[in-house]
N, C-alpha and C. Protein backbone atom coordinates (compact mmCIF):
# COMPACT_ATOMS: atom_id res chain seq x y z
N UNK A 1 112.81 106.61 101.29
CA UNK A 1 111.70 106.00 102.03
C UNK A 1 112.17 105.62 103.42
N UNK A 2 111.41 106.06 104.42
CA UNK A 2 111.73 105.67 105.79
C UNK A 2 110.51 105.05 106.42
N UNK A 3 110.31 103.76 106.23
CA UNK A 3 109.10 103.11 106.75
C UNK A 3 108.92 103.30 108.25
N UNK A 4 110.05 103.34 108.98
CA UNK A 4 109.98 103.48 110.43
C UNK A 4 109.25 104.73 110.85
N UNK A 5 109.32 105.75 110.00
CA UNK A 5 108.65 107.02 110.27
C UNK A 5 107.14 106.81 110.37
N UNK A 6 106.62 105.85 109.61
CA UNK A 6 105.18 105.62 109.58
C UNK A 6 104.71 104.57 110.58
N UNK A 7 105.54 103.56 110.82
CA UNK A 7 105.07 102.46 111.66
C UNK A 7 105.93 102.24 112.89
N UNK A 8 106.90 103.16 113.12
CA UNK A 8 107.68 103.07 114.35
C UNK A 8 108.95 102.26 114.23
N UNK A 9 108.92 101.18 113.47
CA UNK A 9 110.13 100.35 113.35
C UNK A 9 109.95 99.31 112.25
N UNK A 10 111.08 98.75 111.80
CA UNK A 10 111.00 97.68 110.79
C UNK A 10 111.27 96.32 111.44
N UNK A 11 111.27 96.31 112.78
CA UNK A 11 111.42 95.06 113.52
C UNK A 11 110.05 94.37 113.60
N UNK A 12 109.97 93.36 114.45
CA UNK A 12 108.69 92.65 114.62
C UNK A 12 107.60 93.59 115.13
N UNK A 13 107.99 94.64 115.88
CA UNK A 13 106.99 95.60 116.36
C UNK A 13 106.31 96.32 115.20
N UNK A 14 107.11 96.72 114.23
CA UNK A 14 106.56 97.38 113.04
C UNK A 14 105.69 96.43 112.24
N UNK A 15 106.12 95.18 112.19
CA UNK A 15 105.35 94.15 111.49
C UNK A 15 103.95 94.02 112.11
N UNK A 16 103.92 93.97 113.44
CA UNK A 16 102.63 93.87 114.15
C UNK A 16 101.78 95.12 113.93
N UNK A 17 102.44 96.28 113.81
CA UNK A 17 101.71 97.52 113.55
C UNK A 17 100.86 97.43 112.29
N UNK A 18 101.38 96.73 111.29
CA UNK A 18 100.62 96.59 110.04
C UNK A 18 99.26 95.96 110.31
N UNK A 19 99.27 94.92 111.14
CA UNK A 19 98.01 94.23 111.47
C UNK A 19 97.08 95.19 112.21
N UNK A 20 97.64 95.92 113.19
CA UNK A 20 96.80 96.83 113.99
C UNK A 20 96.18 97.91 113.12
N UNK A 21 96.93 98.41 112.13
CA UNK A 21 96.40 99.45 111.25
C UNK A 21 95.16 98.95 110.50
N UNK A 22 95.23 97.73 109.98
CA UNK A 22 94.10 97.19 109.22
C UNK A 22 92.92 96.91 110.16
N UNK A 23 93.22 96.33 111.32
CA UNK A 23 92.17 96.04 112.30
C UNK A 23 91.48 97.33 112.76
N UNK A 24 92.25 98.41 112.89
CA UNK A 24 91.66 99.68 113.34
C UNK A 24 90.58 100.19 112.40
N UNK A 25 90.70 99.91 111.10
CA UNK A 25 89.62 100.28 110.17
C UNK A 25 88.33 99.56 110.53
N UNK A 26 88.46 98.28 110.85
CA UNK A 26 87.28 97.49 111.23
C UNK A 26 86.71 97.97 112.56
N UNK A 27 87.59 98.33 113.48
CA UNK A 27 87.15 98.86 114.78
C UNK A 27 86.34 100.14 114.57
N UNK A 28 86.80 100.99 113.66
CA UNK A 28 86.05 102.22 113.37
C UNK A 28 84.66 101.91 112.85
N UNK A 29 84.54 100.90 112.01
CA UNK A 29 83.23 100.49 111.53
C UNK A 29 82.37 99.99 112.68
N UNK A 30 83.00 99.31 113.63
CA UNK A 30 82.28 98.82 114.81
C UNK A 30 81.81 99.98 115.67
N UNK A 31 82.69 100.96 115.86
CA UNK A 31 82.34 102.14 116.68
C UNK A 31 81.20 102.92 116.05
N UNK A 32 81.14 102.90 114.72
CA UNK A 32 80.06 103.60 114.01
C UNK A 32 78.77 102.78 114.00
N UNK A 33 78.86 101.55 114.55
CA UNK A 33 77.66 100.73 114.67
C UNK A 33 77.37 99.83 113.48
N UNK A 34 78.37 99.61 112.63
CA UNK A 34 78.13 98.85 111.40
C UNK A 34 78.83 97.50 111.34
N UNK A 35 79.56 97.14 112.39
CA UNK A 35 80.35 95.92 112.33
C UNK A 35 80.42 95.31 113.72
N UNK A 36 80.23 93.99 113.82
CA UNK A 36 80.34 93.36 115.15
C UNK A 36 81.23 92.12 115.13
N UNK A 37 81.90 91.90 113.99
CA UNK A 37 82.75 90.72 113.89
C UNK A 37 84.01 91.04 113.08
N UNK A 38 85.17 90.73 113.67
CA UNK A 38 86.45 90.93 113.00
C UNK A 38 87.25 89.63 113.12
N UNK A 39 87.79 89.18 112.00
CA UNK A 39 88.60 87.96 112.00
C UNK A 39 90.00 88.27 111.50
N UNK A 40 91.00 87.77 112.22
CA UNK A 40 92.39 87.93 111.81
C UNK A 40 92.97 86.53 111.60
N UNK A 41 93.61 86.32 110.47
CA UNK A 41 94.24 85.02 110.19
C UNK A 41 95.71 85.23 109.83
N UNK A 42 96.58 84.47 110.51
CA UNK A 42 97.98 84.40 110.08
C UNK A 42 98.04 83.20 109.14
N UNK A 43 98.22 83.47 107.85
CA UNK A 43 98.22 82.39 106.86
C UNK A 43 99.54 81.63 106.87
N UNK A 44 99.55 80.47 106.23
CA UNK A 44 100.74 79.61 106.27
C UNK A 44 101.97 80.25 105.62
N UNK A 45 101.76 81.23 104.72
CA UNK A 45 102.90 81.91 104.08
C UNK A 45 103.29 83.20 104.80
N UNK A 46 102.78 83.39 106.02
CA UNK A 46 103.02 84.60 106.82
C UNK A 46 102.33 85.84 106.26
N UNK A 47 101.39 85.65 105.34
CA UNK A 47 100.53 86.78 104.99
C UNK A 47 99.45 86.86 106.07
N UNK A 48 98.79 88.01 106.11
CA UNK A 48 97.74 88.25 107.11
C UNK A 48 96.44 88.54 106.39
N UNK A 49 95.35 87.97 106.88
CA UNK A 49 94.02 88.30 106.37
C UNK A 49 93.20 88.90 107.50
N UNK A 50 92.64 90.08 107.26
CA UNK A 50 91.74 90.72 108.22
C UNK A 50 90.40 90.91 107.53
N UNK A 51 89.34 90.36 108.10
CA UNK A 51 88.02 90.55 107.50
C UNK A 51 87.02 91.02 108.54
N UNK A 52 86.03 91.77 108.07
CA UNK A 52 84.97 92.24 108.97
C UNK A 52 83.63 92.19 108.26
N UNK A 53 82.57 92.43 109.02
CA UNK A 53 81.23 92.45 108.43
C UNK A 53 80.65 93.87 108.48
N UNK A 54 81.53 94.84 108.24
CA UNK A 54 81.10 96.24 108.17
C UNK A 54 80.46 96.54 106.83
N UNK A 55 80.39 97.83 106.49
CA UNK A 55 79.71 98.24 105.26
C UNK A 55 80.50 97.95 104.00
N UNK A 56 81.79 97.68 104.15
CA UNK A 56 82.65 97.52 102.97
C UNK A 56 83.15 98.88 102.53
N UNK A 57 84.44 98.97 102.21
CA UNK A 57 85.00 100.24 101.74
C UNK A 57 84.29 100.61 100.44
N UNK A 58 83.87 101.87 100.29
CA UNK A 58 83.16 102.27 99.06
C UNK A 58 84.00 102.01 97.81
N UNK A 59 83.34 101.68 96.72
CA UNK A 59 84.04 101.36 95.48
C UNK A 59 83.70 102.34 94.36
N UNK A 60 82.80 103.28 94.64
CA UNK A 60 82.41 104.23 93.59
C UNK A 60 83.55 105.22 93.32
N UNK A 61 83.48 105.89 92.19
CA UNK A 61 84.53 106.83 91.79
C UNK A 61 84.46 108.09 92.65
N UNK A 62 85.61 108.47 93.18
CA UNK A 62 85.73 109.68 94.00
C UNK A 62 85.82 110.87 93.05
N UNK A 63 84.89 111.82 93.16
CA UNK A 63 84.78 112.91 92.19
C UNK A 63 86.08 113.69 91.99
N UNK A 64 86.67 114.16 93.09
CA UNK A 64 87.87 115.00 92.97
C UNK A 64 89.07 114.23 92.43
N UNK A 65 89.24 113.00 92.88
CA UNK A 65 90.45 112.24 92.54
C UNK A 65 90.34 111.46 91.23
N UNK A 66 89.11 111.17 90.80
CA UNK A 66 88.92 110.44 89.54
C UNK A 66 89.28 108.96 89.59
N UNK A 67 89.46 108.43 90.82
CA UNK A 67 89.69 106.99 90.97
C UNK A 67 88.68 106.47 91.98
N UNK A 68 88.56 105.15 92.09
CA UNK A 68 87.58 104.60 93.02
C UNK A 68 87.97 104.96 94.45
N UNK A 69 86.96 105.09 95.29
CA UNK A 69 87.20 105.39 96.70
C UNK A 69 88.07 104.30 97.32
N UNK A 70 87.88 103.06 96.87
CA UNK A 70 88.67 101.94 97.37
C UNK A 70 90.15 102.14 97.08
N UNK A 71 90.46 102.48 95.83
CA UNK A 71 91.86 102.70 95.46
C UNK A 71 92.43 103.91 96.20
N UNK A 72 91.61 104.92 96.39
CA UNK A 72 92.05 106.11 97.11
C UNK A 72 92.45 105.77 98.54
N UNK A 73 91.61 105.01 99.21
CA UNK A 73 91.88 104.61 100.60
C UNK A 73 93.18 103.81 100.69
N UNK A 74 93.42 102.98 99.68
CA UNK A 74 94.58 102.08 99.74
C UNK A 74 95.87 102.68 99.20
N UNK A 75 95.79 103.83 98.54
CA UNK A 75 97.01 104.38 97.94
C UNK A 75 97.37 105.79 98.41
N UNK A 76 96.43 106.51 98.97
CA UNK A 76 96.72 107.90 99.36
C UNK A 76 96.80 108.02 100.87
N UNK A 77 97.91 108.56 101.33
CA UNK A 77 98.12 108.75 102.76
C UNK A 77 97.07 109.72 103.31
N UNK A 78 96.53 109.39 104.47
CA UNK A 78 95.55 110.25 105.15
C UNK A 78 94.32 110.54 104.32
N UNK A 79 93.91 109.61 103.48
CA UNK A 79 92.73 109.87 102.64
C UNK A 79 91.44 109.63 103.41
N UNK A 80 91.57 109.10 104.61
CA UNK A 80 90.39 108.72 105.37
C UNK A 80 89.39 109.83 105.57
N UNK A 81 89.87 111.06 105.76
CA UNK A 81 88.97 112.17 106.05
C UNK A 81 88.29 112.74 104.84
N UNK A 82 88.59 112.24 103.64
CA UNK A 82 88.07 112.86 102.43
C UNK A 82 86.63 112.51 102.11
N UNK A 83 86.05 111.60 102.89
CA UNK A 83 84.67 111.23 102.61
C UNK A 83 83.73 112.13 103.40
N UNK A 84 82.55 112.33 102.86
CA UNK A 84 81.58 113.20 103.51
C UNK A 84 81.21 112.69 104.89
N UNK A 85 80.75 113.61 105.71
CA UNK A 85 80.32 113.25 107.05
C UNK A 85 79.24 112.16 106.97
N UNK A 86 79.36 111.18 107.84
CA UNK A 86 78.34 110.14 107.85
C UNK A 86 78.62 108.99 106.90
N UNK A 87 79.62 109.15 106.02
CA UNK A 87 79.96 108.03 105.15
C UNK A 87 81.10 107.24 105.78
N UNK A 88 81.59 106.29 105.03
CA UNK A 88 82.63 105.39 105.53
C UNK A 88 83.86 106.17 105.97
N UNK A 89 84.26 105.96 107.22
CA UNK A 89 85.45 106.65 107.73
C UNK A 89 86.58 105.64 107.81
N UNK A 90 87.73 106.01 107.30
CA UNK A 90 88.87 105.11 107.37
C UNK A 90 89.83 105.58 108.44
N UNK A 91 90.22 104.67 109.27
CA UNK A 91 91.02 104.99 110.45
C UNK A 91 92.40 105.52 110.10
N UNK A 92 92.86 106.44 110.92
CA UNK A 92 94.25 106.87 110.83
C UNK A 92 95.14 105.88 111.55
N UNK A 93 94.54 105.00 112.33
CA UNK A 93 95.31 103.98 113.02
C UNK A 93 96.21 104.53 114.10
N UNK A 94 97.09 103.68 114.56
CA UNK A 94 97.95 103.99 115.69
C UNK A 94 98.86 105.18 115.46
N UNK A 95 99.48 105.21 114.29
CA UNK A 95 100.39 106.31 113.98
C UNK A 95 99.70 107.33 113.08
N UNK A 96 98.40 107.20 112.93
CA UNK A 96 97.67 108.13 112.07
C UNK A 96 97.96 107.93 110.60
N UNK A 97 98.38 106.75 110.22
CA UNK A 97 98.76 106.55 108.82
C UNK A 97 97.78 105.70 108.03
N UNK A 98 97.19 104.73 108.70
CA UNK A 98 96.15 103.96 108.03
C UNK A 98 96.63 102.91 107.05
N UNK A 99 95.66 102.41 106.33
CA UNK A 99 95.85 101.22 105.51
C UNK A 99 96.72 101.47 104.28
N UNK A 100 96.82 102.73 103.82
CA UNK A 100 97.64 103.00 102.63
C UNK A 100 99.11 102.69 102.90
N UNK A 101 99.55 102.88 104.14
CA UNK A 101 100.94 102.58 104.47
C UNK A 101 101.16 101.07 104.54
N UNK A 102 100.17 100.35 105.05
CA UNK A 102 100.24 98.89 105.05
C UNK A 102 100.41 98.42 103.60
N UNK A 103 99.64 99.00 102.71
CA UNK A 103 99.71 98.66 101.29
C UNK A 103 101.11 98.95 100.73
N UNK A 104 101.63 100.13 101.04
CA UNK A 104 102.95 100.54 100.52
C UNK A 104 104.06 99.62 101.02
N UNK A 105 103.89 99.06 102.21
CA UNK A 105 104.93 98.23 102.82
C UNK A 105 104.67 96.73 102.63
N UNK A 106 103.77 96.41 101.70
CA UNK A 106 103.45 95.00 101.41
C UNK A 106 103.83 94.67 99.97
N UNK A 107 104.49 93.53 99.79
CA UNK A 107 104.84 93.13 98.42
C UNK A 107 103.58 92.71 97.66
N UNK A 108 102.55 92.30 98.40
CA UNK A 108 101.28 91.93 97.78
C UNK A 108 100.15 92.30 98.72
N UNK A 109 99.09 92.88 98.18
CA UNK A 109 97.88 93.14 98.97
C UNK A 109 96.68 92.90 98.07
N UNK A 110 95.70 92.21 98.61
CA UNK A 110 94.46 91.94 97.88
C UNK A 110 93.30 92.33 98.77
N UNK A 111 92.35 93.06 98.21
CA UNK A 111 91.18 93.44 98.99
C UNK A 111 89.91 92.96 98.27
N UNK A 112 89.02 92.38 99.06
CA UNK A 112 87.68 92.02 98.58
C UNK A 112 86.69 92.87 99.36
N UNK A 113 85.76 93.48 98.66
CA UNK A 113 84.71 94.27 99.31
C UNK A 113 83.36 93.68 98.91
N UNK A 114 82.55 93.40 99.91
CA UNK A 114 81.19 92.93 99.66
C UNK A 114 80.23 94.07 100.00
N UNK A 115 79.59 94.64 99.00
CA UNK A 115 78.58 95.67 99.24
C UNK A 115 77.74 95.85 97.98
N UNK A 116 76.57 96.44 98.16
CA UNK A 116 75.67 96.70 97.04
C UNK A 116 75.37 95.44 96.22
N UNK A 117 75.33 94.27 96.91
CA UNK A 117 74.98 93.03 96.24
C UNK A 117 76.09 92.41 95.41
N UNK A 118 77.29 93.03 95.46
CA UNK A 118 78.39 92.53 94.63
C UNK A 118 79.64 92.27 95.47
N UNK A 119 80.56 91.51 94.88
CA UNK A 119 81.89 91.33 95.47
C UNK A 119 82.88 92.03 94.54
N UNK A 120 83.62 92.99 95.09
CA UNK A 120 84.63 93.73 94.33
C UNK A 120 86.01 93.26 94.77
N UNK A 121 86.97 93.28 93.85
CA UNK A 121 88.33 92.86 94.18
C UNK A 121 89.32 93.81 93.53
N UNK A 122 90.42 94.08 94.23
CA UNK A 122 91.54 94.81 93.64
C UNK A 122 92.83 94.32 94.27
N UNK A 123 93.92 94.30 93.48
CA UNK A 123 95.22 93.87 93.99
C UNK A 123 96.25 94.98 93.83
N UNK A 124 97.27 94.90 94.68
CA UNK A 124 98.34 95.91 94.71
C UNK A 124 99.68 95.24 94.98
N UNK A 125 100.74 95.94 94.62
CA UNK A 125 102.09 95.52 95.02
C UNK A 125 102.85 96.77 95.42
N UNK A 126 103.36 96.79 96.65
CA UNK A 126 104.10 97.93 97.19
C UNK A 126 103.36 99.25 96.96
N UNK A 127 102.05 99.21 97.16
CA UNK A 127 101.24 100.42 97.10
C UNK A 127 100.73 100.80 95.73
N UNK A 128 101.13 100.06 94.70
CA UNK A 128 100.72 100.38 93.33
C UNK A 128 99.68 99.36 92.87
N UNK A 129 98.55 99.84 92.31
CA UNK A 129 97.53 98.89 91.84
C UNK A 129 98.08 97.97 90.76
N UNK A 130 97.80 96.68 90.87
CA UNK A 130 98.19 95.72 89.83
C UNK A 130 96.95 95.21 89.10
N UNK A 131 95.79 95.72 89.50
CA UNK A 131 94.55 95.42 88.79
C UNK A 131 93.59 96.58 89.02
N UNK A 132 92.58 96.66 88.17
CA UNK A 132 91.51 97.63 88.39
C UNK A 132 90.57 97.05 89.45
N UNK A 133 89.66 97.88 89.95
CA UNK A 133 88.59 97.35 90.79
C UNK A 133 87.68 96.56 89.87
N UNK A 134 87.47 95.28 90.18
CA UNK A 134 86.62 94.47 89.31
C UNK A 134 85.55 93.76 90.13
N UNK A 135 84.42 93.53 89.50
CA UNK A 135 83.35 92.77 90.14
C UNK A 135 83.62 91.30 89.88
N UNK A 136 83.74 90.52 90.97
CA UNK A 136 84.09 89.10 90.81
C UNK A 136 82.99 88.16 91.30
N UNK A 137 81.87 88.74 91.72
CA UNK A 137 80.78 87.87 92.18
C UNK A 137 79.64 88.67 92.77
N UNK A 138 78.67 87.93 93.28
CA UNK A 138 77.52 88.53 93.95
C UNK A 138 77.60 88.21 95.43
N UNK A 139 77.00 89.07 96.25
CA UNK A 139 77.01 88.81 97.69
C UNK A 139 75.77 89.39 98.34
N UNK A 140 75.21 88.62 99.25
CA UNK A 140 74.07 89.12 100.01
C UNK A 140 74.53 89.68 101.35
N UNK A 141 75.81 89.47 101.65
CA UNK A 141 76.36 90.02 102.90
C UNK A 141 77.25 91.21 102.54
N UNK A 142 77.83 91.84 103.57
CA UNK A 142 78.72 92.96 103.28
C UNK A 142 79.93 92.89 104.19
N UNK A 143 80.97 93.59 103.80
CA UNK A 143 82.18 93.58 104.61
C UNK A 143 83.41 93.80 103.75
N UNK A 144 84.55 93.81 104.42
CA UNK A 144 85.84 94.02 103.76
C UNK A 144 86.79 92.92 104.19
N UNK A 145 87.55 92.40 103.24
CA UNK A 145 88.58 91.40 103.56
C UNK A 145 89.89 91.83 102.91
N UNK A 146 90.91 92.04 103.72
CA UNK A 146 92.22 92.48 103.23
C UNK A 146 93.23 91.38 103.54
N UNK A 147 93.97 90.95 102.53
CA UNK A 147 95.08 90.02 102.73
C UNK A 147 96.35 90.71 102.27
N UNK A 148 97.37 90.73 103.13
CA UNK A 148 98.62 91.38 102.73
C UNK A 148 99.82 90.54 103.15
N UNK A 149 100.87 90.63 102.34
CA UNK A 149 102.15 90.00 102.65
C UNK A 149 103.16 91.12 102.83
N UNK A 150 103.63 91.31 104.06
CA UNK A 150 104.59 92.38 104.34
C UNK A 150 105.84 92.19 103.48
N UNK A 151 106.44 93.30 103.09
CA UNK A 151 107.60 93.28 102.20
C UNK A 151 108.85 92.81 102.94
N UNK A 152 109.39 91.67 102.51
CA UNK A 152 110.58 91.12 103.20
C UNK A 152 111.82 91.99 102.98
N UNK A 153 111.76 92.91 102.00
CA UNK A 153 112.89 93.82 101.79
C UNK A 153 112.86 94.98 102.78
N UNK A 154 111.73 95.16 103.44
CA UNK A 154 111.57 96.25 104.41
C UNK A 154 111.72 95.74 105.84
N UNK A 155 111.08 94.63 106.13
CA UNK A 155 111.03 94.14 107.52
C UNK A 155 112.11 93.11 107.82
N UNK A 156 112.61 93.17 109.04
CA UNK A 156 113.67 92.25 109.48
C UNK A 156 113.14 90.82 109.58
N UNK A 157 111.87 90.69 109.89
CA UNK A 157 111.25 89.37 110.01
C UNK A 157 109.79 89.44 109.56
N UNK A 158 109.28 88.34 109.05
CA UNK A 158 107.85 88.24 108.73
C UNK A 158 107.18 87.22 109.64
N UNK A 159 107.86 86.90 110.73
CA UNK A 159 107.38 85.87 111.64
C UNK A 159 106.56 86.50 112.77
N UNK A 160 105.26 86.56 112.59
CA UNK A 160 104.37 87.19 113.58
C UNK A 160 104.32 86.40 114.88
N UNK A 161 104.10 87.13 115.97
CA UNK A 161 103.88 86.48 117.27
C UNK A 161 102.38 86.36 117.51
N UNK A 162 101.89 85.13 117.53
CA UNK A 162 100.47 84.89 117.80
C UNK A 162 100.08 85.49 119.15
N UNK A 163 100.94 85.33 120.15
CA UNK A 163 100.63 85.82 121.50
C UNK A 163 100.53 87.33 121.55
N UNK A 164 101.47 88.02 120.88
CA UNK A 164 101.44 89.49 120.87
C UNK A 164 100.18 90.01 120.19
N UNK A 165 99.87 89.43 119.04
CA UNK A 165 98.66 89.85 118.31
C UNK A 165 97.41 89.54 119.13
N UNK A 166 97.38 88.36 119.76
CA UNK A 166 96.22 87.96 120.57
C UNK A 166 95.98 88.93 121.71
N UNK A 167 97.07 89.33 122.36
CA UNK A 167 96.97 90.24 123.50
C UNK A 167 96.33 91.56 123.08
N UNK A 168 96.80 92.09 121.96
CA UNK A 168 96.26 93.36 121.45
C UNK A 168 94.79 93.22 121.05
N UNK A 169 94.45 92.14 120.38
CA UNK A 169 93.07 91.93 119.94
C UNK A 169 92.14 91.73 121.13
N UNK A 170 92.64 91.07 122.15
CA UNK A 170 91.86 90.87 123.38
C UNK A 170 91.55 92.22 124.02
N UNK A 171 92.56 93.11 124.05
CA UNK A 171 92.36 94.46 124.60
C UNK A 171 91.31 95.22 123.79
N UNK A 172 91.40 95.12 122.46
CA UNK A 172 90.45 95.82 121.59
C UNK A 172 89.03 95.32 121.80
N UNK A 173 88.88 94.01 121.97
CA UNK A 173 87.55 93.42 122.20
C UNK A 173 87.01 93.88 123.55
N UNK A 174 87.90 93.97 124.53
CA UNK A 174 87.51 94.40 125.88
C UNK A 174 87.06 95.86 125.87
N UNK A 175 87.77 96.69 125.11
CA UNK A 175 87.47 98.12 125.05
C UNK A 175 86.24 98.43 124.21
N UNK A 176 85.90 97.53 123.31
CA UNK A 176 84.76 97.75 122.42
C UNK A 176 83.76 96.62 122.59
N UNK A 177 82.83 96.81 123.54
CA UNK A 177 81.86 95.74 123.74
C UNK A 177 80.95 95.64 122.51
N UNK A 178 80.24 94.57 122.40
CA UNK A 178 79.40 94.27 121.24
C UNK A 178 80.21 93.88 120.01
N UNK A 179 81.50 93.63 120.18
CA UNK A 179 82.30 93.20 119.04
C UNK A 179 83.02 91.90 119.36
N UNK A 180 83.04 91.01 118.40
CA UNK A 180 83.68 89.71 118.55
C UNK A 180 84.91 89.69 117.64
N UNK A 181 86.07 89.42 118.22
CA UNK A 181 87.32 89.40 117.44
C UNK A 181 87.97 88.03 117.58
N UNK A 182 88.31 87.43 116.44
CA UNK A 182 88.99 86.14 116.50
C UNK A 182 90.34 86.21 115.81
N UNK A 183 91.25 85.34 116.23
CA UNK A 183 92.54 85.22 115.57
C UNK A 183 92.83 83.74 115.38
N UNK A 184 93.29 83.42 114.18
CA UNK A 184 93.62 82.03 113.86
C UNK A 184 95.02 81.98 113.28
N UNK A 185 95.81 81.02 113.74
CA UNK A 185 97.16 80.81 113.21
C UNK A 185 97.11 79.56 112.33
N UNK A 186 97.38 79.73 111.05
CA UNK A 186 97.34 78.59 110.11
C UNK A 186 98.74 78.12 109.71
N UNK A 187 99.77 78.64 110.38
CA UNK A 187 101.13 78.21 110.04
C UNK A 187 101.33 76.76 110.47
N UNK A 188 102.05 76.03 109.66
CA UNK A 188 102.26 74.59 109.90
C UNK A 188 102.89 74.38 111.28
N UNK A 189 102.24 73.54 112.07
CA UNK A 189 102.75 73.24 113.41
C UNK A 189 102.42 74.28 114.45
N UNK A 190 101.80 75.39 114.02
CA UNK A 190 101.49 76.49 114.94
C UNK A 190 99.98 76.68 115.10
N UNK A 191 99.19 75.78 114.54
CA UNK A 191 97.75 75.99 114.44
C UNK A 191 97.11 76.31 115.80
N UNK A 192 96.47 77.49 115.85
CA UNK A 192 95.81 77.94 117.08
C UNK A 192 94.61 78.79 116.70
N UNK A 193 93.69 78.93 117.64
CA UNK A 193 92.52 79.80 117.43
C UNK A 193 92.10 80.39 118.76
N UNK A 194 91.82 81.69 118.77
CA UNK A 194 91.29 82.33 119.97
C UNK A 194 90.19 83.29 119.55
N UNK A 195 89.22 83.46 120.43
CA UNK A 195 88.13 84.41 120.15
C UNK A 195 87.90 85.25 121.39
N UNK A 196 87.70 86.54 121.17
CA UNK A 196 87.50 87.48 122.28
C UNK A 196 86.21 88.26 122.07
N UNK A 197 85.45 88.43 123.15
CA UNK A 197 84.23 89.26 123.08
C UNK A 197 83.81 89.66 124.47
């Protein structure tokens, strides 16, 4: 395994790439006209939560693969293009690798999808599902929320730079009008919040 091949490095730059990869999925939903709000949170344990109000990653079973579209997106490299034209497109991200690599390089990842009136949840560890896709509630809104903890055995540091992430998110908000992006730092003693639009 050479994680650097997918994200450029295992230093703090590679760590930040993980966030950008997940955010890029939400940006794609915004570009398609389905999302206008993205929230990024640095949690107190150095996990990251990215949520949006897009359509939500599909959860139905993918005919060819025999697994849910959600699991496919999170476990198969370059699976983004496998959906029919006009359906949910998953970003290849900066290095063209997408969210499946973020999943593979995270010791824990949890995704909540709000769509079709329901809330779906699935968990993973280092790219392998640790639960099935399950319905955990009802929802009148829609969107996707991904929380991941980067693998400390892969990365040199899990200490994100609020300023570096803010700068990138500000650029993304500037380049994509009609979208509001916020970042919140919940680490003890580091509490900060910024919003860009």
